[in-house]
Each structure stands twice: as C-alpha cells, then as structure tokens.
Amino acid sequence: MPESPMPSEPQELRVTPAVSPEDAAETASEPAAEGESPARGLAAPPAAAAEAVARRVEFGQLTPRSPQPADRNINLLMDVMLEVTVELGRARMRIRDVLALGLGSVIELDRLAGESVDLYLNDRLFARGEVVVIEESFGVRITEILSPEARMQTLGTRPGANTAS
C-alpha cells in the first residue's frame, strides 16, 4: 500500500456544523412533543463551538531498530532446568492389591515389551522413544517428537501428574 506524502506544514481543516447555532438554539427551546425523543430538548452548543478547527497531526520520523538476533534471546533460557520423565507404562490397582504387594511381586503394565515409552517435559508429553541399555543404565532413544499441535492436544492428559503449582 503506497504511503501518501505528508505535507511539510500543518493544514487547518474547518468543520462547520450542519445546523446553525441560531437554528440549534431555536430547536432546543421548543419542548419535545409527546412520543418524541427528549434529546430534541437538549441545550444548543455555545456559539464559540459552532466552528471547530481540526489540524493534521505530524509525527516525528521513526528510526528503524536493528533486529535483535534470536540466538541472543534463546541463550537466556539455555540454563533453565526441565524435569524429564519417561513413562514405561501404567497400571490401575485396588487398594487391597497394593497392600498385598511384597518383595518379588510383579505389576503388569498396560504396554507390551518393546513398545514405545512416553517422554514428558515438566509433565507435558513431548516425544516417544524406545528403551535402550547404556553400559549398566537404562536410556531412551527418541523415535518421535510430537508436533506442536499434538502437544497442545495432550496438555494435562497424564494421569497422576502433579497439576498443583
């Protein structure tokens, strides 16, 4: 859209009301007829307001700022710690079954062996992966990172997540 050139000097615009002050005073002094809007009986504007002056606004020249590199802003967040949780599976148990658990008890989970595990960042599902063994520790190889749309759909869906903050 092309810009219209700004005048170098302010221009005055005169605005004249459609009703002369005399007609307005005459109309205001008449009582409003029955069923007619009482706004007709309002007082007329003073004669000085009959002709208003409007001036074009002149704005100072804006100087463009150099854009800040995105890296500078993201670097502020690089040292923030996030809690990463890997969910192997879930199980629902009655209280009597939990109380009966002892050493050597086995809890069956809702996932099959070799099935993907869910990865959560601060209780928000963000990826899926597979369990791997690194020397003597478990690890997770990421196989899928959820799209932003999919992450929005899963907000607050993790059962048992601590939602009180």
N, C-alpha and C. Protein backbone atom coordinates (compact mmCIF):
# COMPACT_ATOMS: atom_id res chain seq x y z
N MET A 1 0.85 -1.17 0.00
CA MET A 1 0.00 0.00 0.00
C MET A 1 0.89 1.23 0.00
N PRO A 2 0.80 2.11 -1.02
CA PRO A 2 1.69 3.27 -1.09
C PRO A 2 1.33 4.28 -0.03
N GLU A 3 2.38 4.90 0.49
CA GLU A 3 2.17 5.91 1.52
C GLU A 3 1.82 7.23 0.87
N SER A 4 0.90 7.96 1.49
CA SER A 4 0.57 9.28 0.97
C SER A 4 1.58 10.27 1.51
N PRO A 5 2.03 11.22 0.69
CA PRO A 5 3.05 12.16 1.16
C PRO A 5 2.47 13.05 2.26
N MET A 6 3.26 13.26 3.30
CA MET A 6 2.85 14.12 4.41
C MET A 6 3.22 15.55 4.05
N PRO A 7 2.32 16.51 4.28
CA PRO A 7 2.63 17.91 4.00
C PRO A 7 3.70 18.40 4.96
N SER A 8 4.47 19.36 4.48
CA SER A 8 5.54 19.90 5.32
C SER A 8 4.99 20.87 6.36
N GLU A 9 3.85 21.48 6.08
CA GLU A 9 3.24 22.40 7.04
C GLU A 9 1.91 21.85 7.49
N PRO A 10 1.52 22.11 8.75
CA PRO A 10 0.21 21.65 9.19
C PRO A 10 -0.88 22.35 8.40
N GLN A 11 -1.89 21.60 8.03
CA GLN A 11 -3.03 22.18 7.32
C GLN A 11 -4.19 22.30 8.29
N GLU A 12 -4.94 23.37 8.18
CA GLU A 12 -6.10 23.55 9.03
C GLU A 12 -7.34 23.12 8.27
N LEU A 13 -8.18 22.38 8.93
CA LEU A 13 -9.45 21.96 8.37
C LEU A 13 -10.54 22.61 9.20
N ARG A 14 -11.46 23.22 8.56
CA ARG A 14 -12.57 23.86 9.27
C ARG A 14 -13.79 22.95 9.17
N VAL A 15 -14.42 22.72 10.31
CA VAL A 15 -15.62 21.89 10.35
C VAL A 15 -16.77 22.78 10.75
N THR A 16 -17.77 22.84 9.91
CA THR A 16 -18.94 23.67 10.19
C THR A 16 -20.12 22.76 10.45
N PRO A 17 -20.83 22.94 11.57
CA PRO A 17 -21.96 22.07 11.86
C PRO A 17 -23.05 22.24 10.81
N ALA A 18 -23.84 21.17 10.62
CA ALA A 18 -24.91 21.19 9.63
C ALA A 18 -26.05 22.10 10.06
N VAL A 19 -26.18 22.35 11.36
CA VAL A 19 -27.25 23.21 11.88
C VAL A 19 -26.60 24.48 12.41
N SER A 20 -27.12 25.61 12.02
CA SER A 20 -26.55 26.87 12.50
C SER A 20 -26.86 27.02 13.99
N PRO A 21 -26.04 27.80 14.73
CA PRO A 21 -26.29 27.99 16.16
C PRO A 21 -27.67 28.57 16.44
N GLU A 22 -28.15 29.42 15.55
CA GLU A 22 -29.48 30.02 15.76
C GLU A 22 -30.57 28.96 15.68
N ASP A 23 -30.46 28.09 14.64
CA ASP A 23 -31.45 27.02 14.48
C ASP A 23 -31.38 26.05 15.65
N ALA A 24 -30.16 25.75 16.12
CA ALA A 24 -30.00 24.82 17.23
C ALA A 24 -30.61 25.41 18.49
N ALA A 25 -30.42 26.71 18.73
CA ALA A 25 -30.98 27.35 19.92
C ALA A 25 -32.50 27.35 19.84
N GLU A 26 -33.02 27.59 18.65
CA GLU A 26 -34.48 27.61 18.48
C GLU A 26 -35.06 26.23 18.71
N THR A 27 -34.40 25.18 18.18
CA THR A 27 -34.87 23.80 18.36
C THR A 27 -34.79 23.40 19.81
N ALA A 28 -33.73 23.81 20.50
CA ALA A 28 -33.54 23.43 21.89
C ALA A 28 -34.58 24.08 22.79
N SER A 29 -35.06 25.25 22.44
CA SER A 29 -36.02 25.93 23.30
C SER A 29 -37.43 25.38 23.13
N GLU A 30 -37.70 24.65 22.03
CA GLU A 30 -39.03 24.07 21.84
C GLU A 30 -39.16 22.84 22.71
N PRO A 31 -40.30 22.68 23.39
CA PRO A 31 -40.49 21.47 24.19
C PRO A 31 -40.66 20.26 23.27
N ALA A 32 -40.21 19.11 23.73
CA ALA A 32 -40.32 17.89 22.94
C ALA A 32 -41.78 17.48 22.88
N ALA A 33 -42.23 17.11 21.69
CA ALA A 33 -43.61 16.68 21.51
C ALA A 33 -43.80 15.33 22.15
N GLU A 34 -45.06 14.98 22.46
CA GLU A 34 -45.35 13.71 23.12
C GLU A 34 -44.94 12.56 22.20
N GLY A 35 -44.25 11.58 22.76
CA GLY A 35 -43.78 10.44 21.98
C GLY A 35 -42.50 10.72 21.22
N GLU A 36 -41.99 11.94 21.29
CA GLU A 36 -40.77 12.31 20.58
C GLU A 36 -39.59 12.14 21.53
N SER A 37 -38.43 11.91 21.01
CA SER A 37 -37.24 11.73 21.82
C SER A 37 -36.93 12.99 22.61
N PRO A 38 -36.65 12.85 23.93
CA PRO A 38 -36.32 14.02 24.73
C PRO A 38 -34.98 14.63 24.34
N ALA A 39 -34.19 13.98 23.51
CA ALA A 39 -32.90 14.52 23.10
C ALA A 39 -33.09 15.80 22.30
N ARG A 40 -34.27 15.98 21.74
CA ARG A 40 -34.53 17.18 20.95
C ARG A 40 -34.51 18.41 21.85
N GLY A 41 -34.81 18.27 23.12
CA GLY A 41 -34.86 19.40 24.04
C GLY A 41 -33.52 19.75 24.65
N LEU A 42 -32.42 19.18 24.16
CA LEU A 42 -31.10 19.47 24.71
C LEU A 42 -30.70 20.91 24.40
N ALA A 43 -29.85 21.46 25.26
CA ALA A 43 -29.37 22.83 25.06
C ALA A 43 -28.46 22.90 23.85
N ALA A 44 -28.45 24.02 23.18
CA ALA A 44 -27.64 24.23 21.99
C ALA A 44 -26.19 24.44 22.38
N PRO A 45 -25.27 24.10 21.51
CA PRO A 45 -23.87 24.35 21.81
C PRO A 45 -23.61 25.85 21.81
N PRO A 46 -22.64 26.31 22.59
CA PRO A 46 -22.33 27.73 22.59
C PRO A 46 -21.87 28.17 21.21
N ALA A 47 -22.00 29.45 20.94
CA ALA A 47 -21.67 29.99 19.62
C ALA A 47 -20.21 29.78 19.27
N ALA A 48 -19.33 29.75 20.27
CA ALA A 48 -17.90 29.58 20.01
C ALA A 48 -17.61 28.19 19.45
N ALA A 49 -18.45 27.21 19.78
CA ALA A 49 -18.23 25.85 19.31
C ALA A 49 -18.84 25.61 17.94
N ALA A 50 -19.47 26.63 17.36
CA ALA A 50 -20.13 26.47 16.07
C ALA A 50 -19.14 26.13 14.98
N GLU A 51 -17.91 26.60 15.11
CA GLU A 51 -16.90 26.31 14.11
C GLU A 51 -15.68 25.74 14.82
N ALA A 52 -15.42 24.45 14.64
CA ALA A 52 -14.29 23.80 15.28
C ALA A 52 -13.13 23.74 14.30
N VAL A 53 -11.93 23.76 14.82
CA VAL A 53 -10.74 23.70 13.97
C VAL A 53 -10.03 22.38 14.25
N ALA A 54 -9.75 21.64 13.19
CA ALA A 54 -9.00 20.39 13.31
C ALA A 54 -7.70 20.55 12.55
N ARG A 55 -6.62 20.05 13.14
CA ARG A 55 -5.30 20.15 12.50
C ARG A 55 -4.77 18.75 12.25
N ARG A 56 -4.06 18.60 11.16
CA ARG A 56 -3.44 17.33 10.84
C ARG A 56 -2.28 17.10 11.82
N VAL A 57 -2.18 15.90 12.32
CA VAL A 57 -1.12 15.55 13.27
C VAL A 57 0.15 15.25 12.51
N GLU A 58 1.25 15.78 13.01
CA GLU A 58 2.55 15.47 12.40
C GLU A 58 3.34 14.61 13.38
N PHE A 59 3.77 13.46 12.91
CA PHE A 59 4.56 12.55 13.72
C PHE A 59 6.02 12.71 13.35
N GLY A 60 6.88 12.55 14.35
CA GLY A 60 8.32 12.60 14.10
C GLY A 60 8.76 11.39 13.29
N GLN A 61 9.89 11.50 12.66
CA GLN A 61 10.42 10.43 11.84
C GLN A 61 10.87 9.29 12.74
N LEU A 62 10.46 8.06 12.44
CA LEU A 62 10.86 6.89 13.20
C LEU A 62 12.16 6.34 12.63
N THR A 63 13.05 5.97 13.52
CA THR A 63 14.29 5.34 13.06
C THR A 63 14.17 3.85 13.30
N PRO A 64 14.40 3.04 12.27
CA PRO A 64 14.26 1.59 12.45
C PRO A 64 15.36 1.06 13.36
N ARG A 65 14.95 0.15 14.25
CA ARG A 65 15.91 -0.51 15.13
C ARG A 65 16.47 -1.72 14.42
N SER A 66 17.71 -2.03 14.72
CA SER A 66 18.28 -3.23 14.13
C SER A 66 17.66 -4.43 14.86
N PRO A 67 17.24 -5.45 14.12
CA PRO A 67 16.61 -6.60 14.76
C PRO A 67 17.59 -7.31 15.68
N GLN A 68 17.07 -7.74 16.83
CA GLN A 68 17.92 -8.47 17.78
C GLN A 68 18.02 -9.91 17.31
N PRO A 69 19.20 -10.47 17.32
CA PRO A 69 19.33 -11.86 16.90
C PRO A 69 18.53 -12.77 17.83
N ALA A 70 17.85 -13.75 17.23
CA ALA A 70 17.04 -14.68 18.02
C ALA A 70 17.93 -15.49 18.96
N ASP A 71 19.18 -15.74 18.55
CA ASP A 71 20.09 -16.51 19.40
C ASP A 71 20.31 -15.84 20.73
N ARG A 72 20.36 -14.53 20.73
CA ARG A 72 20.61 -13.80 21.98
C ARG A 72 19.46 -14.03 22.96
N ASN A 73 18.22 -14.01 22.47
CA ASN A 73 17.07 -14.21 23.33
C ASN A 73 16.98 -15.65 23.83
N ILE A 74 17.25 -16.62 22.98
CA ILE A 74 17.14 -18.02 23.37
C ILE A 74 18.26 -18.40 24.33
N ASN A 75 19.40 -17.73 24.24
CA ASN A 75 20.51 -18.04 25.14
C ASN A 75 20.15 -17.78 26.59
N LEU A 76 19.22 -16.88 26.84
CA LEU A 76 18.79 -16.62 28.21
C LEU A 76 18.13 -17.84 28.84
N LEU A 77 17.59 -18.73 28.03
CA LEU A 77 16.86 -19.89 28.53
C LEU A 77 17.69 -21.17 28.57
N MET A 78 18.87 -21.15 28.03
CA MET A 78 19.65 -22.37 27.89
C MET A 78 20.01 -23.06 29.20
N ASP A 79 20.09 -22.34 30.30
CA ASP A 79 20.46 -22.95 31.58
C ASP A 79 19.26 -23.29 32.45
N VAL A 80 18.04 -23.13 31.93
CA VAL A 80 16.84 -23.47 32.70
C VAL A 80 16.72 -24.99 32.77
N MET A 81 16.51 -25.51 33.97
CA MET A 81 16.39 -26.96 34.17
C MET A 81 14.95 -27.40 33.93
N LEU A 82 14.78 -28.50 33.21
CA LEU A 82 13.48 -29.11 32.98
C LEU A 82 13.49 -30.52 33.54
N GLU A 83 12.37 -30.95 34.06
CA GLU A 83 12.26 -32.32 34.56
C GLU A 83 11.83 -33.21 33.40
N VAL A 84 12.65 -34.21 33.09
CA VAL A 84 12.34 -35.16 32.03
C VAL A 84 11.90 -36.46 32.70
N THR A 85 10.71 -36.94 32.32
CA THR A 85 10.17 -38.17 32.89
C THR A 85 9.90 -39.13 31.75
N VAL A 86 10.27 -40.39 31.94
CA VAL A 86 10.00 -41.43 30.96
C VAL A 86 8.97 -42.37 31.58
N GLU A 87 7.87 -42.57 30.88
CA GLU A 87 6.81 -43.44 31.38
C GLU A 87 6.86 -44.76 30.63
N LEU A 88 7.19 -45.81 31.36
CA LEU A 88 7.29 -47.14 30.79
C LEU A 88 5.90 -47.74 30.57
N GLY A 89 4.99 -47.45 31.47
CA GLY A 89 3.63 -47.98 31.37
C GLY A 89 2.84 -47.59 32.61
N ARG A 90 1.57 -48.01 32.62
CA ARG A 90 0.67 -47.69 33.74
C ARG A 90 -0.07 -48.94 34.18
N ALA A 91 -0.55 -48.87 35.40
CA ALA A 91 -1.40 -49.94 35.92
C ALA A 91 -2.38 -49.33 36.90
N ARG A 92 -3.58 -49.90 36.97
CA ARG A 92 -4.58 -49.48 37.96
C ARG A 92 -4.77 -50.65 38.91
N MET A 93 -4.73 -50.34 40.19
CA MET A 93 -4.84 -51.40 41.19
C MET A 93 -5.78 -50.97 42.30
N ARG A 94 -6.47 -51.95 42.87
CA ARG A 94 -7.30 -51.70 44.05
C ARG A 94 -6.39 -51.57 45.26
N ILE A 95 -6.87 -50.89 46.25
CA ILE A 95 -6.08 -50.69 47.48
C ILE A 95 -5.69 -52.03 48.08
N ARG A 96 -6.62 -53.01 48.10
CA ARG A 96 -6.30 -54.31 48.71
C ARG A 96 -5.14 -54.98 47.97
N ASP A 97 -5.05 -54.78 46.62
CA ASP A 97 -3.96 -55.37 45.84
C ASP A 97 -2.64 -54.67 46.12
N VAL A 98 -2.69 -53.35 46.29
CA VAL A 98 -1.47 -52.60 46.62
C VAL A 98 -0.96 -53.02 47.99
N LEU A 99 -1.88 -53.20 48.96
CA LEU A 99 -1.48 -53.61 50.31
C LEU A 99 -0.91 -55.02 50.33
N ALA A 100 -1.28 -55.83 49.35
CA ALA A 100 -0.79 -57.21 49.29
C ALA A 100 0.58 -57.31 48.60
N LEU A 101 1.08 -56.22 48.03
CA LEU A 101 2.37 -56.25 47.36
C LEU A 101 3.49 -56.52 48.35
N GLY A 102 4.45 -57.26 47.92
CA GLY A 102 5.62 -57.53 48.74
C GLY A 102 6.84 -57.70 47.85
N LEU A 103 7.97 -58.04 48.47
CA LEU A 103 9.18 -58.27 47.69
C LEU A 103 8.94 -59.38 46.68
N GLY A 104 9.32 -59.13 45.45
CA GLY A 104 9.15 -60.13 44.40
C GLY A 104 7.82 -60.04 43.67
N SER A 105 6.90 -59.20 44.15
CA SER A 105 5.61 -59.04 43.46
C SER A 105 5.86 -58.42 42.08
N VAL A 106 5.02 -58.76 41.13
CA VAL A 106 5.14 -58.24 39.77
C VAL A 106 3.86 -57.47 39.44
N ILE A 107 4.04 -56.29 38.89
CA ILE A 107 2.90 -55.47 38.46
C ILE A 107 2.89 -55.47 36.94
N GLU A 108 1.77 -55.89 36.37
CA GLU A 108 1.65 -55.91 34.91
C GLU A 108 1.26 -54.52 34.42
N LEU A 109 1.99 -54.02 33.45
CA LEU A 109 1.74 -52.69 32.89
C LEU A 109 0.89 -52.79 31.63
N ASP A 110 0.38 -51.67 31.20
CA ASP A 110 -0.51 -51.62 30.03
C ASP A 110 0.24 -51.57 28.70
N ARG A 111 1.55 -51.71 28.71
CA ARG A 111 2.35 -51.67 27.47
C ARG A 111 2.99 -53.04 27.23
N LEU A 112 3.19 -53.33 25.96
CA LEU A 112 3.86 -54.58 25.59
C LEU A 112 5.37 -54.37 25.61
N ALA A 113 6.10 -55.45 25.78
CA ALA A 113 7.56 -55.38 25.73
C ALA A 113 7.97 -54.88 24.35
N GLY A 114 8.88 -53.91 24.30
CA GLY A 114 9.35 -53.36 23.04
C GLY A 114 8.49 -52.21 22.52
N GLU A 115 7.38 -51.94 23.18
CA GLU A 115 6.52 -50.83 22.75
C GLU A 115 7.15 -49.50 23.17
N SER A 116 6.81 -48.44 22.46
CA SER A 116 7.36 -47.11 22.75
C SER A 116 7.03 -46.65 24.17
N VAL A 117 7.93 -45.86 24.71
CA VAL A 117 7.69 -45.21 26.00
C VAL A 117 7.42 -43.74 25.75
N ASP A 118 6.72 -43.10 26.68
CA ASP A 118 6.40 -41.67 26.54
C ASP A 118 7.42 -40.83 27.29
N LEU A 119 7.83 -39.72 26.69
CA LEU A 119 8.75 -38.79 27.33
C LEU A 119 7.99 -37.51 27.64
N TYR A 120 8.13 -37.06 28.87
CA TYR A 120 7.44 -35.85 29.34
C TYR A 120 8.47 -34.81 29.75
N LEU A 121 8.20 -33.56 29.41
CA LEU A 121 8.96 -32.42 29.91
C LEU A 121 8.04 -31.66 30.85
N ASN A 122 8.41 -31.59 32.11
CA ASN A 122 7.58 -30.91 33.11
C ASN A 122 6.12 -31.36 33.00
N ASP A 123 5.91 -32.67 32.99
CA ASP A 123 4.58 -33.29 32.96
C ASP A 123 3.81 -33.03 31.67
N ARG A 124 4.48 -32.67 30.59
CA ARG A 124 3.83 -32.45 29.29
C ARG A 124 4.45 -33.40 28.28
N LEU A 125 3.62 -34.26 27.68
CA LEU A 125 4.10 -35.22 26.69
C LEU A 125 4.72 -34.47 25.52
N PHE A 126 5.95 -34.84 25.16
CA PHE A 126 6.59 -34.16 24.03
C PHE A 126 7.22 -35.13 23.02
N ALA A 127 7.45 -36.39 23.43
CA ALA A 127 8.10 -37.32 22.49
C ALA A 127 7.82 -38.76 22.90
N ARG A 128 8.21 -39.68 22.01
CA ARG A 128 8.14 -41.11 22.30
C ARG A 128 9.50 -41.71 21.94
N GLY A 129 9.81 -42.83 22.57
CA GLY A 129 11.10 -43.45 22.29
C GLY A 129 11.12 -44.91 22.67
N GLU A 130 12.30 -45.51 22.54
CA GLU A 130 12.47 -46.91 22.90
C GLU A 130 13.55 -47.02 23.96
N VAL A 131 13.36 -47.99 24.84
CA VAL A 131 14.29 -48.19 25.95
C VAL A 131 15.55 -48.86 25.41
N VAL A 132 16.70 -48.34 25.83
CA VAL A 132 17.99 -48.92 25.47
C VAL A 132 18.80 -49.09 26.75
N VAL A 133 19.84 -49.92 26.66
CA VAL A 133 20.74 -50.11 27.79
C VAL A 133 22.08 -49.49 27.43
N ILE A 134 22.56 -48.60 28.31
CA ILE A 134 23.84 -47.93 28.12
C ILE A 134 24.73 -48.39 29.28
N GLU A 135 25.72 -49.24 28.95
CA GLU A 135 26.54 -49.89 29.97
C GLU A 135 25.60 -50.59 30.95
N GLU A 136 25.47 -50.09 32.18
CA GLU A 136 24.59 -50.74 33.15
C GLU A 136 23.35 -49.91 33.46
N SER A 137 23.11 -48.87 32.68
CA SER A 137 21.96 -47.98 32.93
C SER A 137 20.96 -48.06 31.79
N PHE A 138 19.74 -47.69 32.10
CA PHE A 138 18.72 -47.57 31.06
C PHE A 138 18.82 -46.20 30.43
N GLY A 139 18.42 -46.13 29.18
CA GLY A 139 18.33 -44.87 28.46
C GLY A 139 17.14 -44.93 27.52
N VAL A 140 16.90 -43.85 26.81
CA VAL A 140 15.79 -43.81 25.86
C VAL A 140 16.30 -43.21 24.55
N ARG A 141 16.04 -43.90 23.46
CA ARG A 141 16.34 -43.39 22.12
C ARG A 141 15.05 -42.77 21.60
N ILE A 142 15.08 -41.48 21.28
CA ILE A 142 13.88 -40.79 20.80
C ILE A 142 13.58 -41.24 19.38
N THR A 143 12.34 -41.69 19.19
CA THR A 143 11.90 -42.15 17.87
C THR A 143 10.86 -41.23 17.24
N GLU A 144 10.24 -40.39 18.05
CA GLU A 144 9.20 -39.48 17.54
C GLU A 144 9.12 -38.26 18.45
N ILE A 145 9.12 -37.09 17.84
CA ILE A 145 8.87 -35.85 18.59
C ILE A 145 7.52 -35.34 18.14
N LEU A 146 6.63 -35.11 19.08
CA LEU A 146 5.28 -34.68 18.75
C LEU A 146 5.28 -33.30 18.13
N SER A 147 4.38 -33.09 17.19
CA SER A 147 4.23 -31.77 16.57
C SER A 147 3.64 -30.82 17.61
N PRO A 148 3.81 -29.51 17.43
CA PRO A 148 3.21 -28.56 18.38
C PRO A 148 1.70 -28.77 18.53
N GLU A 149 1.01 -29.12 17.44
CA GLU A 149 -0.44 -29.35 17.51
C GLU A 149 -0.75 -30.56 18.38
N ALA A 150 0.01 -31.63 18.21
CA ALA A 150 -0.21 -32.84 19.00
C ALA A 150 0.11 -32.59 20.47
N ARG A 151 1.15 -31.80 20.73
CA ARG A 151 1.49 -31.48 22.13
C ARG A 151 0.37 -30.69 22.78
N MET A 152 -0.26 -29.76 22.04
CA MET A 152 -1.36 -28.98 22.60
C MET A 152 -2.54 -29.88 22.95
N GLN A 153 -2.78 -30.91 22.12
CA GLN A 153 -3.90 -31.81 22.38
C GLN A 153 -3.67 -32.68 23.60
N THR A 154 -2.41 -32.93 23.96
CA THR A 154 -2.12 -33.81 25.09
C THR A 154 -1.89 -33.06 26.39
N LEU A 155 -2.03 -31.75 26.39
CA LEU A 155 -1.81 -31.00 27.63
C LEU A 155 -2.74 -31.50 28.73
N GLY A 156 -2.15 -31.79 29.87
CA GLY A 156 -2.94 -32.18 31.03
C GLY A 156 -3.53 -33.58 30.94
N THR A 157 -3.02 -34.43 30.02
CA THR A 157 -3.61 -35.76 29.87
C THR A 157 -2.87 -36.83 30.64
N ARG A 158 -1.79 -36.50 31.29
CA ARG A 158 -1.01 -37.50 32.01
C ARG A 158 -1.65 -37.78 33.36
N PRO A 159 -2.22 -38.95 33.55
CA PRO A 159 -2.83 -39.27 34.83
C PRO A 159 -1.78 -39.29 35.93
N GLY A 160 -2.13 -38.76 37.06
CA GLY A 160 -1.23 -38.77 38.20
C GLY A 160 -0.21 -37.66 38.19
N ALA A 161 -0.21 -36.83 37.16
CA ALA A 161 0.74 -35.72 37.09
C ALA A 161 0.37 -34.70 38.14
N ASN A 162 1.38 -34.09 38.71
CA ASN A 162 1.16 -33.06 39.72
C ASN A 162 0.73 -31.79 39.02
N THR A 163 -0.58 -31.47 39.08
CA THR A 163 -1.09 -30.28 38.40
C THR A 163 -1.17 -29.08 39.31
N ALA A 164 -0.95 -29.26 40.60
CA ALA A 164 -0.98 -28.12 41.53
C ALA A 164 0.36 -27.43 41.50
N SER A 165 0.34 -26.14 41.23
CA SER A 165 1.60 -25.37 41.19
C SER A 165 1.50 -24.19 42.08
